[in-house]
Amino acid sequence: MLTSHPSTTVHQDTRERILLTGESLILGKGFSALGLSEILGAAAVPKGSFYHYFQSKEGFGVAMLERYFADYQLRLRRELQEDGRPACERLLAYFDGWLESTRASSCNKLCLAVKLAAEVSDLSEPMRQALTVGMQSITAVIADVIREAQTEGQLQGQSQKQDALELAEFIYATWVGASLLSKVHLEIRPLELAMQQTKVLLHA
């Protein structure tokens, strides 16, 4: 078994702590409003340590998004993997979890991807690109499960014939938009409507 050199482990732990701390703070305040000194203070690391890992706040933002999406994609694949349930049922369980987590937060919290999508797309091209790649990775996983449902003949009508990736992109876009509306209106109804439409599309 390979083991990490102690100094390497320390560096990895420090970088991870900065990323985790920053993500937590950004979920509350947003990216633009959060100062670098606040991240460093909360993570309890000196300024020099930050610049050892990240060239700038923007570079930190890109690394944070890449880390977030890599972890999210791993968890999503685990959640949607074949477990004896029909593919459509697994998909609906995923979106139901999205709905219930928003309900539990009283519509006050957005996931990192949705929160930053509107905020940084015009401010940072590298972060916009990281969001694009990350969101495409999520729709690709959803498309895989839709394709599985189509192969098994679980869908009906147009959904059975439609390109799986296009259908995944439409459903994901519906949920991202509904999440933003839920945050704006502080009510769960937009996501409940998204759930209804997802069930129609998946004929569940």
Protein backbone atom coordinates (compact mmCIF):
# COMPACT_ATOMS: atom_id res chain seq x y z
CA MET A 1 0.00 0.00 0.00
CA LEU A 2 1.31 3.46 -0.92
CA THR A 3 1.64 5.98 1.89
CA SER A 4 1.86 9.76 1.68
CA HIS A 5 4.94 11.61 2.78
CA PRO A 6 4.07 13.58 5.98
CA SER A 7 4.82 16.97 4.41
CA THR A 8 2.67 16.08 1.39
CA THR A 9 -0.20 15.15 3.69
CA VAL A 10 0.11 18.46 5.53
CA HIS A 11 0.01 20.41 2.26
CA GLN A 12 -3.00 18.45 1.05
CA ASP A 13 -4.81 19.00 4.35
CA THR A 14 -4.11 22.74 4.26
CA ARG A 15 -5.33 23.13 0.69
CA GLU A 16 -8.43 21.08 1.45
CA ARG A 17 -9.14 23.16 4.55
CA ILE A 18 -8.95 26.39 2.55
CA LEU A 19 -11.28 25.00 -0.11
CA LEU A 20 -13.80 23.62 2.40
CA THR A 21 -13.80 26.81 4.44
CA GLY A 22 -14.19 28.98 1.38
CA GLU A 23 -17.06 26.89 0.04
CA SER A 24 -18.91 27.12 3.35
CA LEU A 25 -18.51 30.89 3.50
CA ILE A 26 -19.44 31.42 -0.16
CA LEU A 27 -22.65 29.42 0.27
CA GLY A 28 -23.67 32.06 2.80
CA LYS A 29 -22.27 35.30 1.39
CA GLY A 30 -21.53 34.66 -2.25
CA PHE A 31 -18.18 34.90 -4.04
CA SER A 32 -17.87 38.62 -4.72
CA ALA A 33 -18.81 39.75 -1.21
CA LEU A 34 -16.35 37.40 0.46
CA GLY A 35 -12.93 38.85 1.17
CA LEU A 36 -9.73 36.84 1.03
CA SER A 37 -8.87 37.83 4.60
CA GLU A 38 -12.15 36.34 5.80
CA ILE A 39 -11.35 33.00 4.14
CA LEU A 40 -7.84 32.98 5.60
CA GLY A 41 -9.06 33.90 9.07
CA ALA A 42 -11.74 31.23 9.12
CA ALA A 43 -9.33 28.60 7.74
CA ALA A 44 -6.62 29.72 10.17
CA VAL A 45 -3.91 29.87 7.51
CA PRO A 46 -1.48 32.71 6.70
CA LYS A 47 -1.73 34.65 3.46
CA GLY A 48 1.44 33.06 2.17
CA SER A 49 -0.11 29.62 2.45
CA PHE A 50 -3.03 30.70 0.30
CA TYR A 51 -0.77 31.90 -2.50
CA HIS A 52 1.25 28.71 -2.27
CA TYR A 53 -1.82 26.83 -3.55
CA PHE A 54 -3.72 29.47 -5.53
CA GLN A 55 -2.42 32.30 -7.70
CA SER A 56 -5.46 34.47 -7.00
CA LYS A 57 -8.95 34.50 -5.54
CA GLU A 58 -10.21 33.64 -9.02
CA GLY A 59 -7.84 30.66 -9.17
CA PHE A 60 -9.16 29.58 -5.79
CA GLY A 61 -12.72 29.85 -7.15
CA VAL A 62 -11.88 27.62 -10.11
CA ALA A 63 -10.23 25.01 -7.86
CA MET A 64 -13.20 25.09 -5.48
CA LEU A 65 -15.65 24.49 -8.33
CA GLU A 66 -13.55 21.69 -9.79
CA ARG A 67 -13.39 20.02 -6.39
CA TYR A 68 -17.12 20.51 -5.82
CA PHE A 69 -18.15 18.99 -9.15
CA ALA A 70 -15.74 16.06 -8.89
CA ASP A 71 -17.22 15.16 -5.50
CA TYR A 72 -20.79 15.80 -6.67
CA GLN A 73 -20.40 13.65 -9.77
CA LEU A 74 -18.98 10.80 -7.70
CA ARG A 75 -21.90 10.96 -5.25
CA LEU A 76 -24.42 11.30 -8.07
CA ARG A 77 -23.11 8.21 -9.88
CA ARG A 78 -23.27 6.29 -6.61
CA GLU A 79 -26.84 7.43 -5.99
CA LEU A 80 -28.03 6.65 -9.51
CA GLN A 81 -26.20 3.38 -10.02
CA GLU A 82 -28.13 0.19 -10.73
CA ASP A 83 -29.58 -1.14 -7.47
CA GLY A 84 -32.54 -3.19 -8.61
CA ARG A 85 -34.87 -0.21 -9.00
CA PRO A 86 -36.01 0.97 -12.45
CA ALA A 87 -33.88 3.76 -13.88
CA CYS A 88 -36.74 6.29 -13.78
CA GLU A 89 -37.37 5.55 -10.12
CA ARG A 90 -33.73 6.24 -9.29
CA LEU A 91 -33.86 9.54 -11.18
CA LEU A 92 -37.01 10.66 -9.43
CA ALA A 93 -35.50 9.76 -6.07
CA TYR A 94 -32.55 12.04 -6.88
CA PHE A 95 -34.78 14.98 -7.77
CA ASP A 96 -37.00 14.31 -4.77
CA GLY A 97 -33.89 14.62 -2.61
CA TRP A 98 -33.14 17.96 -4.29
CA LEU A 99 -36.70 19.10 -3.53
CA GLU A 100 -36.64 17.98 0.10
CA SER A 101 -33.22 19.47 0.86
CA THR A 102 -34.48 22.84 -0.40
CA ARG A 103 -37.64 22.46 1.64
CA ALA A 104 -35.58 21.65 4.75
CA SER A 105 -33.59 24.88 4.32
CA SER A 106 -36.82 26.90 3.95
CA CYS A 107 -35.62 27.77 0.43
CA ASN A 108 -32.76 29.82 1.87
CA LYS A 109 -29.87 27.75 0.57
CA LEU A 110 -28.69 26.95 -2.94
CA CYS A 111 -26.10 24.40 -3.96
CA LEU A 112 -22.75 25.92 -4.88
CA ALA A 113 -23.25 25.45 -8.63
CA VAL A 114 -26.63 27.18 -8.74
CA LYS A 115 -25.54 29.94 -6.35
CA LEU A 116 -22.47 30.87 -8.38
CA ALA A 117 -23.94 30.34 -11.86
CA ALA A 118 -25.67 33.71 -11.96
CA GLU A 119 -23.08 35.55 -9.88
CA VAL A 120 -19.74 34.83 -11.49
CA SER A 121 -20.52 34.01 -15.12
CA ASP A 122 -20.06 37.65 -16.14
CA LEU A 123 -17.23 38.31 -13.70
CA SER A 124 -14.82 35.46 -14.35
CA GLU A 125 -14.35 33.55 -17.59
CA PRO A 126 -12.29 30.76 -15.94
CA MET A 127 -14.97 30.23 -13.29
CA ARG A 128 -17.69 30.30 -15.95
CA GLN A 129 -15.82 27.62 -17.85
CA ALA A 130 -15.47 25.53 -14.66
CA LEU A 131 -19.23 25.83 -14.12
CA THR A 132 -19.89 24.81 -17.72
CA VAL A 133 -17.69 21.72 -17.52
CA GLY A 134 -19.10 20.79 -14.11
CA MET A 135 -22.74 21.18 -15.07
CA GLN A 136 -22.16 19.25 -18.27
CA SER A 137 -20.71 16.42 -16.20
CA ILE A 138 -23.91 16.31 -14.14
CA THR A 139 -26.20 16.25 -17.18
CA ALA A 140 -24.03 13.50 -18.69
CA VAL A 141 -24.68 11.29 -15.65
CA ILE A 142 -28.41 12.02 -15.79
CA ALA A 143 -28.38 11.26 -19.53
CA ASP A 144 -26.78 7.87 -18.86
CA VAL A 145 -29.69 6.91 -16.62
CA ILE A 146 -32.28 8.26 -19.09
CA ARG A 147 -30.58 6.23 -21.83
CA GLU A 148 -30.83 3.18 -19.59
CA ALA A 149 -34.55 3.84 -19.09
CA GLN A 150 -35.03 4.16 -22.85
CA THR A 151 -33.17 0.91 -23.50
CA GLU A 152 -35.42 -0.84 -21.00
CA GLY A 153 -38.51 0.70 -22.61
CA GLN A 154 -39.54 2.53 -19.43
CA LEU A 155 -40.42 5.81 -21.17
CA GLN A 156 -43.28 6.57 -23.50
CA GLY A 157 -44.03 8.86 -26.40
CA GLN A 158 -41.50 11.52 -27.33
CA SER A 159 -39.35 10.93 -24.24
CA GLN A 160 -38.65 7.37 -25.41
CA LYS A 161 -37.35 8.64 -28.76
CA GLN A 162 -35.70 11.91 -27.73
CA ASP A 163 -31.94 12.25 -27.50
CA ALA A 164 -31.09 11.32 -23.90
CA LEU A 165 -28.56 14.13 -23.43
CA GLU A 166 -30.99 16.78 -24.70
CA LEU A 167 -33.67 15.52 -22.35
CA ALA A 168 -31.21 15.49 -19.44
CA GLU A 169 -30.12 19.06 -20.24
CA PHE A 170 -33.73 20.24 -20.32
CA ILE A 171 -34.64 18.57 -17.03
CA TYR A 172 -31.50 19.84 -15.29
CA ALA A 173 -32.08 23.37 -16.61
CA THR A 174 -35.64 23.20 -15.28
CA TRP A 175 -34.38 22.33 -11.80
CA VAL A 176 -31.64 24.97 -11.79
CA GLY A 177 -34.15 27.64 -12.80
CA ALA A 178 -36.72 26.42 -10.29
CA SER A 179 -34.09 26.52 -7.54
CA LEU A 180 -33.36 30.17 -8.29
CA LEU A 181 -37.06 31.03 -8.26
CA SER A 182 -37.53 29.22 -4.96
CA LYS A 183 -34.73 31.31 -3.50
CA VAL A 184 -36.18 34.55 -4.87
CA HIS A 185 -39.74 33.86 -3.72
CA LEU A 186 -38.76 31.90 -0.60
CA GLU A 187 -41.30 29.24 -1.45
CA ILE A 188 -41.02 25.64 -2.57
CA ARG A 189 -43.67 25.78 -5.31
CA PRO A 190 -41.25 26.28 -8.27
CA LEU A 191 -39.47 23.04 -7.35
CA GLU A 192 -42.75 21.22 -6.80
CA LEU A 193 -43.75 22.26 -10.33
CA ALA A 194 -40.35 21.09 -11.61
CA MET A 195 -41.03 17.73 -9.97
CA GLN A 196 -44.44 17.50 -11.62
CA GLN A 197 -42.98 18.24 -15.05
CA THR A 198 -40.12 15.79 -14.53
CA LYS A 199 -42.65 13.06 -13.76
CA VAL A 200 -44.54 13.94 -16.94
CA LEU A 201 -41.37 13.78 -19.02
CA LEU A 202 -40.37 10.46 -17.47
CA HIS A 203 -43.97 9.20 -17.57
CA ALA A 204 -43.78 8.20 -13.93
